[in-house]
Amino acid sequence: MAEKPGELVHVGVFFLPRLPDRPDEYMHVAVDECSREAVVAISNRADDESFLSNLVNQFSFPIKAIQQCWPDAILEHFFVDVMKACSDFNISPGSLREAYIDAYVRHYNNSRTVPALQRRKPVQQLNYNIERTRKAS
């Protein structure tokens, strides 16, 4: 398990159920293993490289390593894009739905408590880990 924020970020892509009169949509998710902070984006492409580029700016800490969490063969080519984005950033290997996802991510990071984090919220865990790291250095 990662001990500091950014040591390991899990990245996954999930197909969203089709809505009437809408193109296929995919949810791109990144969760920091230490803080459990999450970043989510919706795209009409499973291989949206911009998510990886934006990910570096979304977290409040530098990312040191990424682990891909998608088993589907259809996304194998995305692996190459992930590796390129990781290399570029020196990392080791508006719809209603978007409003809902934004609200969920805010809730996920700021409101809900997590038993595995001693009932802390992910943001509280992040701040705790940052403070613990400062004291240790």
N, C-alpha and C. Protein backbone atom coordinates (compact mmCIF):
# COMPACT_ATOMS: atom_id res chain seq x y z
N MET A 1 0.84 -1.19 0.00
CA MET A 1 0.00 0.00 0.00
C MET A 1 0.88 1.24 0.00
N ALA A 2 0.47 2.23 -0.77
CA ALA A 2 1.21 3.48 -0.84
C ALA A 2 1.10 4.21 0.50
N GLU A 3 2.20 4.80 0.91
CA GLU A 3 2.22 5.52 2.18
C GLU A 3 2.09 7.03 2.02
N LYS A 4 2.35 7.52 0.80
CA LYS A 4 2.27 8.96 0.56
C LYS A 4 1.36 9.21 -0.65
N PRO A 5 0.61 10.32 -0.64
CA PRO A 5 -0.23 10.65 -1.79
C PRO A 5 0.61 10.74 -3.06
N GLY A 6 0.09 10.15 -4.13
CA GLY A 6 0.76 10.19 -5.42
C GLY A 6 1.71 9.04 -5.68
N GLU A 7 2.02 8.25 -4.67
CA GLU A 7 2.93 7.11 -4.88
C GLU A 7 2.33 6.10 -5.85
N LEU A 8 1.00 5.90 -5.79
CA LEU A 8 0.34 4.97 -6.70
C LEU A 8 -1.09 5.44 -6.96
N VAL A 9 -1.39 5.69 -8.23
CA VAL A 9 -2.73 6.10 -8.64
C VAL A 9 -3.29 5.02 -9.56
N HIS A 10 -4.47 4.51 -9.21
CA HIS A 10 -5.14 3.50 -10.02
C HIS A 10 -6.00 4.21 -11.06
N VAL A 11 -5.86 3.81 -12.32
CA VAL A 11 -6.60 4.43 -13.42
C VAL A 11 -7.43 3.37 -14.13
N GLY A 12 -8.70 3.68 -14.38
CA GLY A 12 -9.57 2.73 -15.06
C GLY A 12 -10.53 3.43 -16.01
N VAL A 13 -11.07 2.66 -16.95
CA VAL A 13 -12.04 3.16 -17.91
C VAL A 13 -13.24 2.22 -17.88
N PHE A 14 -14.44 2.79 -17.79
CA PHE A 14 -15.65 1.99 -17.70
C PHE A 14 -16.67 2.47 -18.72
N PHE A 15 -17.30 1.54 -19.41
CA PHE A 15 -18.36 1.87 -20.35
C PHE A 15 -19.62 2.21 -19.55
N LEU A 16 -20.25 3.33 -19.90
CA LEU A 16 -21.48 3.74 -19.22
C LEU A 16 -22.69 3.25 -20.01
N PRO A 17 -23.75 2.87 -19.33
CA PRO A 17 -24.96 2.45 -20.05
C PRO A 17 -25.42 3.55 -21.00
N ARG A 18 -25.84 3.13 -22.17
CA ARG A 18 -26.24 4.08 -23.21
C ARG A 18 -27.55 4.77 -22.83
N LEU A 19 -27.56 6.08 -23.03
CA LEU A 19 -28.78 6.86 -22.84
C LEU A 19 -29.40 7.11 -24.21
N PRO A 20 -30.72 7.24 -24.28
CA PRO A 20 -31.36 7.49 -25.58
C PRO A 20 -30.80 8.75 -26.24
N ASP A 21 -30.61 8.67 -27.54
CA ASP A 21 -30.13 9.81 -28.34
C ASP A 21 -28.78 10.34 -27.89
N ARG A 22 -27.93 9.48 -27.33
CA ARG A 22 -26.59 9.89 -26.89
C ARG A 22 -25.57 8.92 -27.47
N PRO A 23 -24.38 9.40 -27.78
CA PRO A 23 -23.32 8.49 -28.24
C PRO A 23 -22.82 7.64 -27.08
N ASP A 24 -22.02 6.64 -27.39
CA ASP A 24 -21.39 5.86 -26.33
C ASP A 24 -20.58 6.79 -25.44
N GLU A 25 -20.59 6.50 -24.14
CA GLU A 25 -19.81 7.32 -23.20
C GLU A 25 -19.01 6.39 -22.28
N TYR A 26 -17.86 6.89 -21.89
CA TYR A 26 -16.96 6.16 -21.01
C TYR A 26 -16.61 7.03 -19.81
N MET A 27 -16.52 6.40 -18.66
CA MET A 27 -16.11 7.10 -17.45
C MET A 27 -14.65 6.75 -17.18
N HIS A 28 -13.80 7.76 -17.16
CA HIS A 28 -12.39 7.60 -16.83
C HIS A 28 -12.23 7.94 -15.36
N VAL A 29 -11.61 7.04 -14.60
CA VAL A 29 -11.50 7.21 -13.15
C VAL A 29 -10.04 7.04 -12.73
N ALA A 30 -9.62 7.89 -11.81
CA ALA A 30 -8.31 7.74 -11.18
C ALA A 30 -8.51 7.89 -9.68
N VAL A 31 -7.96 6.95 -8.90
CA VAL A 31 -8.07 7.00 -7.45
C VAL A 31 -6.67 6.85 -6.86
N ASP A 32 -6.29 7.80 -6.02
CA ASP A 32 -5.01 7.72 -5.32
C ASP A 32 -5.12 6.67 -4.22
N GLU A 33 -4.19 5.73 -4.20
CA GLU A 33 -4.27 4.63 -3.24
C GLU A 33 -4.14 5.10 -1.80
N CYS A 34 -3.32 6.09 -1.54
CA CYS A 34 -3.08 6.54 -0.18
C CYS A 34 -4.23 7.40 0.36
N SER A 35 -4.56 8.46 -0.35
CA SER A 35 -5.57 9.41 0.14
C SER A 35 -6.99 9.00 -0.23
N ARG A 36 -7.14 8.15 -1.24
CA ARG A 36 -8.42 7.73 -1.81
C ARG A 36 -9.12 8.88 -2.52
N GLU A 37 -8.40 9.95 -2.80
CA GLU A 37 -8.95 11.05 -3.59
C GLU A 37 -9.20 10.54 -5.01
N ALA A 38 -10.31 10.96 -5.60
CA ALA A 38 -10.69 10.48 -6.92
C ALA A 38 -10.83 11.62 -7.92
N VAL A 39 -10.54 11.31 -9.17
CA VAL A 39 -10.77 12.22 -10.29
C VAL A 39 -11.55 11.42 -11.33
N VAL A 40 -12.63 12.01 -11.86
CA VAL A 40 -13.49 11.32 -12.81
C VAL A 40 -13.77 12.26 -13.99
N ALA A 41 -13.81 11.69 -15.19
CA ALA A 41 -14.18 12.45 -16.38
C ALA A 41 -15.01 11.56 -17.30
N ILE A 42 -15.90 12.17 -18.04
CA ILE A 42 -16.74 11.46 -19.00
C ILE A 42 -16.25 11.83 -20.40
N SER A 43 -16.17 10.83 -21.28
CA SER A 43 -15.72 11.05 -22.65
C SER A 43 -16.48 10.12 -23.57
N ASN A 44 -16.55 10.49 -24.85
CA ASN A 44 -17.17 9.56 -25.81
C ASN A 44 -16.12 8.64 -26.42
N ARG A 45 -14.91 8.67 -25.88
CA ARG A 45 -13.84 7.78 -26.36
C ARG A 45 -13.26 7.00 -25.19
N ALA A 46 -13.09 5.71 -25.38
CA ALA A 46 -12.47 4.89 -24.34
C ALA A 46 -10.99 5.20 -24.22
N ASP A 47 -10.39 5.66 -25.31
CA ASP A 47 -8.95 5.91 -25.32
C ASP A 47 -8.64 7.41 -25.31
N ASP A 48 -9.31 8.15 -24.46
CA ASP A 48 -9.15 9.60 -24.40
C ASP A 48 -7.86 9.97 -23.67
N GLU A 49 -6.82 10.31 -24.43
CA GLU A 49 -5.52 10.64 -23.84
C GLU A 49 -5.58 11.91 -23.01
N SER A 50 -6.50 12.80 -23.32
CA SER A 50 -6.57 14.08 -22.59
C SER A 50 -6.84 13.85 -21.11
N PHE A 51 -7.54 12.76 -20.75
CA PHE A 51 -7.77 12.47 -19.34
C PHE A 51 -6.44 12.32 -18.61
N LEU A 52 -5.51 11.60 -19.22
CA LEU A 52 -4.22 11.40 -18.58
C LEU A 52 -3.43 12.69 -18.46
N SER A 53 -3.49 13.51 -19.50
CA SER A 53 -2.80 14.80 -19.44
C SER A 53 -3.38 15.69 -18.36
N ASN A 54 -4.72 15.72 -18.27
CA ASN A 54 -5.38 16.56 -17.26
C ASN A 54 -5.21 16.00 -15.86
N LEU A 55 -5.02 14.72 -15.74
CA LEU A 55 -4.90 14.07 -14.43
C LEU A 55 -3.77 14.68 -13.62
N VAL A 56 -2.68 14.98 -14.26
CA VAL A 56 -1.52 15.54 -13.58
C VAL A 56 -1.89 16.85 -12.88
N ASN A 57 -2.78 17.63 -13.50
CA ASN A 57 -3.18 18.91 -12.92
C ASN A 57 -4.36 18.80 -11.96
N GLN A 58 -5.08 17.69 -11.97
CA GLN A 58 -6.27 17.54 -11.13
C GLN A 58 -5.94 17.21 -9.67
N PHE A 59 -4.93 16.39 -9.45
CA PHE A 59 -4.57 16.03 -8.09
C PHE A 59 -3.77 17.16 -7.45
N SER A 60 -3.87 17.28 -6.14
CA SER A 60 -3.16 18.34 -5.43
C SER A 60 -1.75 17.91 -5.03
N PHE A 61 -1.26 16.82 -5.61
CA PHE A 61 0.07 16.30 -5.31
C PHE A 61 0.63 15.69 -6.57
N PRO A 62 1.97 15.57 -6.66
CA PRO A 62 2.55 14.96 -7.86
C PRO A 62 2.30 13.45 -7.90
N ILE A 63 2.11 12.93 -9.11
CA ILE A 63 1.89 11.50 -9.30
C ILE A 63 3.22 10.85 -9.63
N LYS A 64 3.54 9.79 -8.89
CA LYS A 64 4.81 9.09 -9.12
C LYS A 64 4.62 7.80 -9.91
N ALA A 65 3.48 7.14 -9.74
CA ALA A 65 3.25 5.87 -10.43
C ALA A 65 1.77 5.70 -10.72
N ILE A 66 1.48 5.03 -11.84
CA ILE A 66 0.10 4.75 -12.25
C ILE A 66 -0.05 3.26 -12.49
N GLN A 67 -1.15 2.70 -12.00
CA GLN A 67 -1.49 1.31 -12.27
C GLN A 67 -2.78 1.29 -13.06
N GLN A 68 -2.77 0.63 -14.23
CA GLN A 68 -3.98 0.54 -15.04
C GLN A 68 -4.87 -0.57 -14.49
N CYS A 69 -6.17 -0.30 -14.50
CA CYS A 69 -7.14 -1.24 -13.94
C CYS A 69 -8.21 -1.58 -14.96
N TRP A 70 -7.82 -1.89 -16.18
CA TRP A 70 -8.81 -2.30 -17.18
C TRP A 70 -8.34 -3.58 -17.85
N PRO A 71 -9.13 -4.64 -17.75
CA PRO A 71 -8.75 -5.91 -18.35
C PRO A 71 -9.17 -6.07 -19.80
N ASP A 72 -10.03 -5.21 -20.30
CA ASP A 72 -10.58 -5.40 -21.64
C ASP A 72 -9.52 -5.29 -22.73
N ALA A 73 -9.52 -6.25 -23.63
CA ALA A 73 -8.58 -6.24 -24.75
C ALA A 73 -8.82 -5.03 -25.64
N ILE A 74 -10.06 -4.55 -25.67
CA ILE A 74 -10.38 -3.40 -26.53
C ILE A 74 -9.58 -2.17 -26.14
N LEU A 75 -9.12 -2.12 -24.91
CA LEU A 75 -8.39 -0.94 -24.44
C LEU A 75 -6.88 -1.14 -24.43
N GLU A 76 -6.41 -2.24 -25.03
CA GLU A 76 -4.97 -2.49 -25.02
C GLU A 76 -4.19 -1.36 -25.66
N HIS A 77 -4.73 -0.79 -26.76
CA HIS A 77 -4.02 0.30 -27.42
C HIS A 77 -3.94 1.53 -26.52
N PHE A 78 -4.89 1.67 -25.59
CA PHE A 78 -4.87 2.80 -24.66
C PHE A 78 -3.66 2.69 -23.73
N PHE A 79 -3.23 1.47 -23.46
CA PHE A 79 -2.06 1.25 -22.61
C PHE A 79 -0.85 2.00 -23.16
N VAL A 80 -0.68 1.99 -24.47
CA VAL A 80 0.44 2.69 -25.10
C VAL A 80 0.32 4.19 -24.85
N ASP A 81 -0.91 4.73 -24.95
CA ASP A 81 -1.13 6.15 -24.68
C ASP A 81 -0.85 6.48 -23.22
N VAL A 82 -1.22 5.58 -22.31
CA VAL A 82 -0.93 5.79 -20.89
C VAL A 82 0.57 5.86 -20.68
N MET A 83 1.29 4.92 -21.28
CA MET A 83 2.74 4.90 -21.11
C MET A 83 3.37 6.17 -21.69
N LYS A 84 2.86 6.65 -22.82
CA LYS A 84 3.40 7.88 -23.41
C LYS A 84 3.12 9.07 -22.50
N ALA A 85 1.90 9.17 -21.98
CA ALA A 85 1.56 10.27 -21.08
C ALA A 85 2.41 10.21 -19.81
N CYS A 86 2.61 9.01 -19.29
CA CYS A 86 3.46 8.86 -18.11
C CYS A 86 4.86 9.35 -18.41
N SER A 87 5.36 8.99 -19.58
CA SER A 87 6.69 9.42 -19.99
C SER A 87 6.74 10.94 -20.15
N ASP A 88 5.71 11.52 -20.77
CA ASP A 88 5.66 12.97 -20.98
C ASP A 88 5.69 13.73 -19.66
N PHE A 89 5.05 13.17 -18.62
CA PHE A 89 4.96 13.85 -17.34
C PHE A 89 5.90 13.27 -16.29
N ASN A 90 6.84 12.43 -16.75
CA ASN A 90 7.84 11.84 -15.86
C ASN A 90 7.19 11.05 -14.72
N ILE A 91 6.20 10.23 -15.08
CA ILE A 91 5.51 9.37 -14.11
C ILE A 91 5.85 7.94 -14.47
N SER A 92 6.19 7.12 -13.49
CA SER A 92 6.40 5.73 -13.82
C SER A 92 5.04 5.12 -14.13
N PRO A 93 5.67 3.84 -14.99
CA PRO A 93 4.44 3.24 -15.41
C PRO A 93 3.36 3.17 -14.36
N GLY A 94 -20.34 19.25 -19.27
CA GLY A 94 -21.50 19.87 -19.06
C GLY A 94 -22.86 19.23 -19.13
N SER A 95 -23.04 17.84 -19.29
CA SER A 95 -24.40 17.25 -19.37
C SER A 95 -24.93 16.97 -17.97
N LEU A 96 -26.14 16.46 -17.86
CA LEU A 96 -26.68 16.09 -16.55
C LEU A 96 -25.83 14.99 -15.94
N ARG A 97 -25.39 14.10 -16.79
CA ARG A 97 -24.56 13.01 -16.30
C ARG A 97 -23.25 13.57 -15.72
N GLU A 98 -22.65 14.54 -16.41
CA GLU A 98 -21.41 15.14 -15.91
C GLU A 98 -21.65 15.86 -14.59
N ALA A 99 -22.79 16.54 -14.46
CA ALA A 99 -23.12 17.21 -13.21
C ALA A 99 -23.27 16.18 -12.10
N TYR A 100 -23.91 15.06 -12.41
CA TYR A 100 -24.06 13.99 -11.42
C TYR A 100 -22.69 13.45 -11.02
N ILE A 101 -21.83 13.21 -12.01
CA ILE A 101 -20.50 12.68 -11.72
C ILE A 101 -19.71 13.67 -10.87
N ASP A 102 -19.78 14.96 -11.20
CA ASP A 102 -19.08 15.97 -10.40
C ASP A 102 -19.57 15.95 -8.96
N ALA A 103 -20.87 15.87 -8.78
CA ALA A 103 -21.45 15.83 -7.43
C ALA A 103 -20.99 14.57 -6.71
N TYR A 104 -20.95 13.45 -7.42
CA TYR A 104 -20.51 12.21 -6.79
C TYR A 104 -19.05 12.30 -6.36
N VAL A 105 -18.20 12.84 -7.22
CA VAL A 105 -16.78 12.95 -6.88
C VAL A 105 -16.59 13.87 -5.68
N ARG A 106 -17.32 14.99 -5.64
CA ARG A 106 -17.23 15.87 -4.47
C ARG A 106 -17.65 15.12 -3.21
N HIS A 107 -18.74 14.36 -3.31
CA HIS A 107 -19.18 13.56 -2.17
C HIS A 107 -18.13 12.50 -1.81
N TYR A 108 -17.62 11.79 -2.81
CA TYR A 108 -16.64 10.72 -2.59
C TYR A 108 -15.41 11.26 -1.87
N ASN A 109 -14.91 12.40 -2.29
CA ASN A 109 -13.68 12.94 -1.71
C ASN A 109 -13.88 13.73 -0.42
N ASN A 110 -15.05 14.38 -0.26
CA ASN A 110 -15.21 15.34 0.83
C ASN A 110 -16.25 15.00 1.88
N SER A 111 -17.20 14.11 1.59
CA SER A 111 -18.31 13.91 2.52
C SER A 111 -18.36 12.54 3.17
N ARG A 112 -18.09 11.51 2.42
CA ARG A 112 -18.27 10.16 2.97
C ARG A 112 -17.06 9.75 3.79
N THR A 113 -17.31 9.00 4.85
CA THR A 113 -16.22 8.46 5.65
C THR A 113 -15.93 7.04 5.17
N VAL A 114 -14.69 6.63 5.34
CA VAL A 114 -14.24 5.33 4.85
C VAL A 114 -13.73 4.51 6.02
N PRO A 115 -14.35 3.35 6.31
CA PRO A 115 -13.89 2.53 7.43
C PRO A 115 -12.40 2.18 7.34
N ALA A 116 -11.91 1.91 6.15
CA ALA A 116 -10.49 1.54 6.00
C ALA A 116 -9.55 2.71 6.31
N LEU A 117 -10.08 3.91 6.35
CA LEU A 117 -9.28 5.10 6.66
C LEU A 117 -9.60 5.61 8.07
N GLN A 118 -9.92 4.71 8.97
CA GLN A 118 -10.33 5.06 10.34
C GLN A 118 -11.49 6.06 10.34
N ARG A 119 -12.43 5.85 9.44
CA ARG A 119 -13.64 6.65 9.30
C ARG A 119 -13.35 8.10 8.92
N ARG A 120 -12.19 8.32 8.31
CA ARG A 120 -11.87 9.65 7.79
C ARG A 120 -12.45 9.78 6.39
N LYS A 121 -12.61 11.03 5.96
CA LYS A 121 -12.95 11.31 4.57
C LYS A 121 -11.65 11.27 3.77
N PRO A 122 -11.69 10.95 2.46
CA PRO A 122 -10.45 10.92 1.68
C PRO A 122 -9.64 12.21 1.76
N VAL A 123 -10.30 13.36 1.76
CA VAL A 123 -9.57 14.63 1.87
C VAL A 123 -8.90 14.74 3.23
N GLN A 124 -9.58 14.29 4.29
CA GLN A 124 -8.97 14.30 5.61
C GLN A 124 -7.76 13.37 5.66
N GLN A 125 -7.88 12.21 5.01
CA GLN A 125 -6.76 11.27 4.96
C GLN A 125 -5.59 11.88 4.21
N LEU A 126 -5.88 12.57 3.12
CA LEU A 126 -4.82 13.23 2.36
C LEU A 126 -4.09 14.24 3.25
N ASN A 127 -4.85 15.09 3.94
CA ASN A 127 -4.23 16.08 4.82
C ASN A 127 -3.46 15.42 5.96
N TYR A 128 -4.01 14.34 6.52
CA TYR A 128 -3.31 13.59 7.56
C TYR A 128 -1.98 13.04 7.05
N ASN A 129 -2.00 12.46 5.84
CA ASN A 129 -0.78 11.89 5.27
C ASN A 129 0.26 12.96 4.96
N ILE A 130 -0.19 14.10 4.47
CA ILE A 130 0.73 15.20 4.19
C ILE A 130 1.38 15.68 5.49
N GLU A 131 0.58 15.86 6.52
CA GLU A 131 1.11 16.31 7.80
C GLU A 131 2.06 15.27 8.40
N ARG A 132 1.70 14.01 8.30
CA ARG A 132 2.56 12.93 8.81
C ARG A 132 3.89 12.90 8.06
N THR A 133 3.84 13.14 6.75
CA THR A 133 5.06 13.16 5.95
C THR A 133 5.94 14.35 6.33
N ARG A 134 5.32 15.49 6.56
CA ARG A 134 6.09 16.68 6.99
C ARG A 134 6.80 16.44 8.30
N LYS A 135 6.09 15.84 9.26
CA LYS A 135 6.68 15.58 10.57
C LYS A 135 7.83 14.59 10.49
N ALA A 136 7.71 13.63 9.56
CA ALA A 136 8.74 12.61 9.42
C ALA A 136 10.01 13.13 8.76
N SER A 137 9.88 14.23 7.97
CA SER A 137 11.07 14.73 7.28
C SER A 137 11.83 15.74 8.07
